[in-house]
């Protein structure tokens, strides 16, 4: 298949192979999200702190590395008890798309289909108070709940390939509070011998 890294091919030599996860976060604001509205990921990371993104160059994985994305996970985070319902609205009513080289749509599916497999699930610091932190996740906090992409569906990224994630609302949705959406790309990285 085109654009696949043939790891077992003896003609390709690597001086490093690593597993690494990359993430980026967007905030879906309080209020109405009209049908077709969207927020992009991985393309404006330079102003974000490490907790929100570990992509050092906009729209690209680290230079000199190629990668195979073998799993995509999405965390929906809220910080009050009342906003748990908003996290569920995002999981159920928003779609995630992943593009390479601006025009090649590689993944498209509802957010709900990408369980995070990490974090605390519907934890409330103190029941009955609206101001205490609440952490919720898409799916149960176990990586066994997150399936890897099938081998024929894994996404190979050559060094320099551009990437773009998008969270969109196909239908109008109104959020009562802001929801942070963090997308994780679990990768196997390869640095060819130069």
Protein backbone atom coordinates (compact mmCIF):
# COMPACT_ATOMS: atom_id res chain seq x y z
CA UNK A 1 0.00 0.00 0.00
CA UNK A 2 1.20 3.49 -0.74
CA UNK A 3 2.66 5.55 2.08
CA UNK A 4 3.24 2.60 4.42
CA UNK A 5 6.54 2.10 6.22
CA UNK A 6 7.60 -1.48 5.69
CA UNK A 7 9.29 -2.05 9.03
CA UNK A 8 10.28 -5.61 8.24
CA UNK A 9 11.97 -4.64 4.98
CA UNK A 10 15.71 -5.37 5.28
CA UNK A 11 16.49 -2.48 2.95
CA UNK A 12 15.29 0.04 5.56
CA UNK A 13 17.58 0.58 8.54
CA UNK A 14 16.63 2.53 11.65
CA UNK A 15 18.91 3.90 14.31
CA UNK A 16 16.00 4.38 16.74
CA UNK A 17 12.51 2.97 17.18
CA UNK A 18 10.27 4.27 19.97
CA UNK A 19 6.71 4.30 21.21
CA UNK A 20 5.41 7.78 21.96
CA UNK A 21 2.08 9.53 22.35
CA UNK A 22 1.40 13.02 21.01
CA UNK A 23 -1.53 15.16 22.07
CA UNK A 24 -3.24 18.45 21.48
CA UNK A 25 -6.19 20.11 23.23
CA UNK A 26 -8.98 22.46 22.15
CA UNK A 27 -11.66 24.09 24.25
CA UNK A 28 -15.22 23.91 22.96
CA UNK A 29 -16.77 27.10 24.33
CA UNK A 30 -19.97 27.53 26.28
CA UNK A 31 -22.97 28.27 24.10
CA UNK A 32 -24.32 27.35 20.70
CA UNK A 33 -22.24 25.41 18.18
CA UNK A 34 -23.97 25.72 14.83
CA UNK A 35 -24.18 22.81 12.42
CA UNK A 36 -20.85 22.57 10.62
CA UNK A 37 -18.83 24.51 13.19
CA UNK A 38 -15.44 23.03 14.06
CA UNK A 39 -12.22 23.39 16.04
CA UNK A 40 -8.85 22.27 14.69
CA UNK A 41 -6.06 20.41 16.50
CA UNK A 42 -2.29 20.07 15.95
CA UNK A 43 -2.04 23.26 13.88
CA UNK A 44 -1.64 26.01 16.51
CA UNK A 45 0.46 24.42 19.23
CA UNK A 46 3.26 26.95 19.73
CA UNK A 47 1.27 29.01 22.26
CA UNK A 48 0.16 26.03 24.36
CA UNK A 49 1.77 24.64 27.49
CA UNK A 50 2.87 21.01 27.74
CA UNK A 51 -0.31 20.01 29.56
CA UNK A 52 -2.31 21.07 26.49
CA UNK A 53 0.02 19.94 23.69
CA UNK A 54 3.36 18.22 23.23
CA UNK A 55 3.60 18.95 19.50
CA UNK A 56 6.64 21.21 19.12
CA UNK A 57 6.08 22.17 15.47
CA UNK A 58 2.66 23.12 14.15
CA UNK A 59 1.02 20.40 12.02
CA UNK A 60 3.99 17.98 12.21
CA UNK A 61 5.49 15.30 14.41
CA UNK A 62 9.16 15.76 15.40
CA UNK A 63 11.49 16.37 12.46
CA UNK A 64 13.75 13.52 11.31
CA UNK A 65 11.19 10.96 12.48
CA UNK A 66 8.64 8.86 10.61
CA UNK A 67 5.73 7.33 12.46
CA UNK A 68 2.91 4.85 12.40
CA UNK A 69 -0.20 5.94 14.30
CA UNK A 70 -1.63 2.75 15.75
CA UNK A 71 -4.29 4.20 18.08
CA UNK A 72 -6.32 7.40 18.52
CA UNK A 73 -7.82 8.33 21.90
CA UNK A 74 -10.00 11.31 22.87
CA UNK A 75 -10.44 12.71 26.39
CA UNK A 76 -13.34 15.07 27.12
CA UNK A 77 -12.60 17.06 30.25
CA UNK A 78 -14.90 19.20 32.38
CA UNK A 79 -14.41 20.87 35.75
CA UNK A 80 -17.80 21.06 37.46
CA UNK A 81 -20.47 18.53 38.27
CA UNK A 82 -23.04 20.33 36.13
CA UNK A 83 -20.82 20.08 33.06
CA UNK A 84 -20.61 16.29 32.98
CA UNK A 85 -23.71 16.40 30.77
CA UNK A 86 -21.80 18.69 28.38
CA UNK A 87 -18.97 16.17 28.09
CA UNK A 88 -21.56 13.57 27.15
CA UNK A 89 -23.00 15.97 24.55
CA UNK A 90 -19.55 16.30 22.98
CA UNK A 91 -18.97 12.53 23.01
CA UNK A 92 -22.35 11.84 21.43
CA UNK A 93 -22.80 14.77 19.03
CA UNK A 94 -19.36 15.76 17.72
CA UNK A 95 -17.26 14.06 15.04
CA UNK A 96 -13.49 13.63 14.90
CA UNK A 97 -11.65 13.83 11.58
CA UNK A 98 -7.94 13.32 10.96
CA UNK A 99 -6.24 14.61 7.81
CA UNK A 100 -2.75 14.17 6.38
CA UNK A 101 -1.21 16.59 3.87
CA UNK A 102 -4.27 18.88 4.09
CA UNK A 103 -6.48 16.92 1.70
CA UNK A 104 -6.25 13.23 2.63
CA UNK A 105 -9.02 12.34 5.10
CA UNK A 106 -7.76 9.29 7.01
CA UNK A 107 -10.24 8.96 9.91
CA UNK A 108 -13.81 10.15 10.40
CA UNK A 109 -16.02 8.94 13.23
CA UNK A 110 -18.02 10.22 16.23
CA UNK A 111 -15.92 11.22 19.25
CA UNK A 112 -17.65 8.46 21.23
CA UNK A 113 -15.81 5.86 19.09
CA UNK A 114 -12.38 6.86 20.45
CA UNK A 115 -12.37 5.97 24.16
CA UNK A 116 -9.51 7.50 26.11
CA UNK A 117 -8.57 4.49 28.22
CA UNK A 118 -6.96 6.82 30.74
CA UNK A 119 -7.90 9.18 33.52
CA UNK A 120 -10.59 9.07 36.14
CA UNK A 121 -14.08 8.14 35.14
CA UNK A 122 -16.84 10.46 36.46
CA UNK A 123 -14.95 11.20 39.68
CA UNK A 124 -16.42 13.86 41.93
CA UNK A 125 -14.13 15.42 44.52
CA UNK A 126 -17.06 16.23 46.81
CA UNK A 127 -20.60 15.24 46.07
CA UNK A 128 -23.13 18.04 46.25
CA UNK A 129 -20.89 21.00 45.51
CA UNK A 130 -20.84 22.52 42.05
CA UNK A 131 -17.42 24.13 42.36
CA UNK A 132 -15.30 21.07 43.07
CA UNK A 133 -13.25 19.59 40.25
CA UNK A 134 -14.71 16.73 38.30
CA UNK A 135 -12.73 14.62 35.87
CA UNK A 136 -14.48 12.53 33.30
CA UNK A 137 -13.26 10.52 30.36
CA UNK A 138 -14.62 8.97 27.21
CA UNK A 139 -14.87 5.31 28.17
CA UNK A 140 -13.50 3.50 31.21
CA UNK A 141 -9.96 4.20 32.48
CA UNK A 142 -8.26 1.14 31.04
CA UNK A 143 -6.17 0.86 27.88
CA UNK A 144 -7.78 -2.53 27.28
CA UNK A 145 -10.95 -0.57 26.41
CA UNK A 146 -9.19 1.27 23.58
CA UNK A 147 -8.74 -0.69 20.41
CA UNK A 148 -5.76 -0.22 18.15
CA UNK A 149 -6.40 0.57 14.51
CA UNK A 150 -6.41 -2.52 12.31
CA UNK A 151 -3.03 -3.05 10.64
CA UNK A 152 -4.44 -2.03 7.25
CA UNK A 153 -5.93 1.11 8.82
CA UNK A 154 -2.86 2.32 10.67
CA UNK A 155 -1.60 5.67 9.45
CA UNK A 156 1.99 5.97 8.25
CA UNK A 157 3.53 9.41 8.40
CA UNK A 158 6.74 10.08 6.52
CA UNK A 159 9.09 12.71 7.89
CA UNK A 160 7.49 16.10 7.15
CA UNK A 161 3.94 14.86 6.55
CA UNK A 162 1.47 17.46 7.78
CA UNK A 163 -1.38 16.48 10.09
CA UNK A 164 -4.64 18.09 11.13
CA UNK A 165 -7.31 16.95 13.59
CA UNK A 166 -10.80 18.43 13.60
CA UNK A 167 -13.67 18.24 16.08
CA UNK A 168 -16.92 19.27 14.39
CA UNK A 169 -20.63 19.49 15.13
CA UNK A 170 -22.67 18.02 12.23
CA UNK A 171 -25.86 19.29 13.91
CA UNK A 172 -26.43 22.31 16.15
CA UNK A 173 -25.44 21.66 19.78
CA UNK A 174 -25.57 23.98 22.79
CA UNK A 175 -23.08 23.47 25.61
CA UNK A 176 -23.91 24.80 29.07
CA UNK A 177 -20.22 24.95 29.95
CA UNK A 178 -16.87 24.72 28.20
CA UNK A 179 -15.45 21.29 27.43
CA UNK A 180 -11.77 20.58 26.83
CA UNK A 181 -11.15 17.95 24.16
CA UNK A 182 -7.70 16.32 24.11
CA UNK A 183 -6.76 14.02 21.23
CA UNK A 184 -3.94 11.51 21.74
CA UNK A 185 -2.10 9.90 18.83
CA UNK A 186 -0.29 6.75 19.98
CA UNK A 187 2.63 6.21 17.61
CA UNK A 188 5.57 4.00 16.82
CA UNK A 189 8.38 6.34 15.78
CA UNK A 190 11.21 5.49 13.41
CA UNK A 191 14.34 7.48 12.70
CA UNK A 192 16.09 6.14 9.59
CA UNK A 193 19.85 5.86 9.52
CA UNK A 194 21.16 8.87 7.62
